Amino acid sequence: QTDDGVMVAHGLTQEELAQLVGASRETVNKALADFASRGWIRLEARAVLIADVERLRRRAR
C-alpha cells in the first residue's frame, strides 16, 4: 500500500501474464494500456500500481 494506491510487484512479462490468463500478449497489452489511460492503474517495470481499486473491482464483475 502506498499513498498512490496498491503496488503489486509481480516480476512477470506481459507474455507470461498472458499465458497465466489464457490470452494473447496483445490482448493483455491493450487491456493494461486501456486501464492505465483511464487512470485505474500505473504500469511500472514488472509491477502495477493499482490507483483505483474499487473501479477495477466493479470492472471485474
C-alpha atoms as a PDB file:
ATOM      1  CA  GLN A   1       0.000   0.000   0.000  1.00  0.00           C
ATOM      2  CA  THR A   2       1.299   3.442  -0.951  1.00  0.00           C
ATOM      3  CA  ASP A   3      -0.181   6.939  -0.904  1.00  0.00           C
ATOM      4  CA  ASP A   4      -0.988   6.476  -4.610  1.00  0.00           C
ATOM      5  CA  GLY A   5      -2.601   3.033  -4.358  1.00  0.00           C
ATOM      6  CA  VAL A   6      -1.660  -0.618  -4.085  1.00  0.00           C
ATOM      7  CA  MET A   7       1.666  -1.668  -5.621  1.00  0.00           C
ATOM      8  CA  VAL A   8       1.706  -5.217  -6.988  1.00  0.00           C
ATOM      9  CA  ALA A   9       5.243  -6.344  -7.832  1.00  0.00           C
ATOM     10  CA  HIS A  10       4.822  -9.429  -9.997  1.00  0.00           C
ATOM     11  CA  GLY A  11       8.115  -9.916 -11.829  1.00  0.00           C
ATOM     12  CA  LEU A  12       6.319 -11.169 -14.957  1.00  0.00           C
ATOM     13  CA  THR A  13       6.495 -10.119 -18.584  1.00  0.00           C
ATOM     14  CA  GLN A  14       3.286  -9.361 -20.462  1.00  0.00           C
ATOM     15  CA  GLU A  15       3.810 -12.629 -22.334  1.00  0.00           C
ATOM     16  CA  GLU A  16       3.919 -14.530 -19.028  1.00  0.00           C
ATOM     17  CA  LEU A  17       0.833 -12.686 -17.755  1.00  0.00           C
ATOM     18  CA  ALA A  18      -0.969 -13.583 -20.975  1.00  0.00           C
ATOM     19  CA  GLN A  19      -0.102 -17.258 -20.567  1.00  0.00           C
ATOM     20  CA  LEU A  20      -1.413 -17.214 -16.985  1.00  0.00           C
ATOM     21  CA  VAL A  21      -4.795 -15.801 -18.004  1.00  0.00           C
ATOM     22  CA  GLY A  22      -5.108 -17.678 -21.289  1.00  0.00           C
ATOM     23  CA  ALA A  23      -4.946 -14.619 -23.533  1.00  0.00           C
ATOM     24  CA  SER A  24      -2.596 -13.266 -26.160  1.00  0.00           C
ATOM     25  CA  ARG A  25       0.141 -10.827 -25.218  1.00  0.00           C
ATOM     26  CA  GLU A  26      -1.540  -8.276 -27.479  1.00  0.00           C
ATOM     27  CA  THR A  27      -4.842  -8.587 -25.585  1.00  0.00           C
ATOM     28  CA  VAL A  28      -3.096  -8.185 -22.228  1.00  0.00           C
ATOM     29  CA  ASN A  29      -1.150  -5.203 -23.562  1.00  0.00           C
ATOM     30  CA  LYS A  30      -4.327  -3.495 -24.830  1.00  0.00           C
ATOM     31  CA  ALA A  31      -6.209  -4.128 -21.574  1.00  0.00           C
ATOM     32  CA  LEU A  32      -3.364  -2.793 -19.423  1.00  0.00           C
ATOM     33  CA  ALA A  33      -2.971   0.259 -21.672  1.00  0.00           C
ATOM     34  CA  ASP A  34      -6.734   0.904 -21.502  1.00  0.00           C
ATOM     35  CA  PHE A  35      -6.773   0.642 -17.705  1.00  0.00           C
ATOM     36  CA  ALA A  36      -3.735   2.937 -17.493  1.00  0.00           C
ATOM     37  CA  SER A  37      -5.311   5.549 -19.797  1.00  0.00           C
ATOM     38  CA  ARG A  38      -8.394   5.577 -17.559  1.00  0.00           C
ATOM     39  CA  GLY A  39      -6.191   6.202 -14.500  1.00  0.00           C
ATOM     40  CA  TRP A  40      -7.115   2.911 -12.846  1.00  0.00           C
ATOM     41  CA  ILE A  41      -3.539   1.577 -12.871  1.00  0.00           C
ATOM     42  CA  ARG A  42       0.001   2.774 -13.495  1.00  0.00           C
ATOM     43  CA  LEU A  43       2.422   0.401 -15.179  1.00  0.00           C
ATOM     44  CA  GLU A  44       5.884   0.091 -13.684  1.00  0.00           C
ATOM     45  CA  ALA A  45       8.769  -2.238 -14.560  1.00  0.00           C
ATOM     46  CA  ARG A  46       7.347  -5.685 -13.690  1.00  0.00           C
ATOM     47  CA  ALA A  47       4.881  -4.121 -11.293  1.00  0.00           C
ATOM     48  CA  VAL A  48       1.477  -2.477 -11.421  1.00  0.00           C
ATOM     49  CA  LEU A  49       0.259   0.318  -9.180  1.00  0.00           C
ATOM     50  CA  ILE A  50      -3.484  -0.063  -8.707  1.00  0.00           C
ATOM     51  CA  ALA A  51      -4.643   3.519  -8.320  1.00  0.00           C
ATOM     52  CA  ASP A  52      -8.402   2.841  -8.284  1.00  0.00           C
ATOM     53  CA  VAL A  53      -9.091  -0.497  -6.588  1.00  0.00           C
ATOM     54  CA  GLU A  54     -12.857  -0.005  -6.427  1.00  0.00           C
ATOM     55  CA  ARG A  55     -13.130   0.796 -10.127  1.00  0.00           C
ATOM     56  CA  LEU A  56     -11.212  -2.383 -11.023  1.00  0.00           C
ATOM     57  CA  ARG A  57     -13.478  -4.393  -8.698  1.00  0.00           C
ATOM     58  CA  ARG A  58     -16.546  -3.065 -10.497  1.00  0.00           C
ATOM     59  CA  ARG A  59     -14.964  -3.782 -13.897  1.00  0.00           C
ATOM     60  CA  ALA A  60     -14.249  -7.383 -12.861  1.00  0.00           C
ATOM     61  CA  ARG A  61     -17.932  -8.078 -12.165  1.00  0.00           C
END
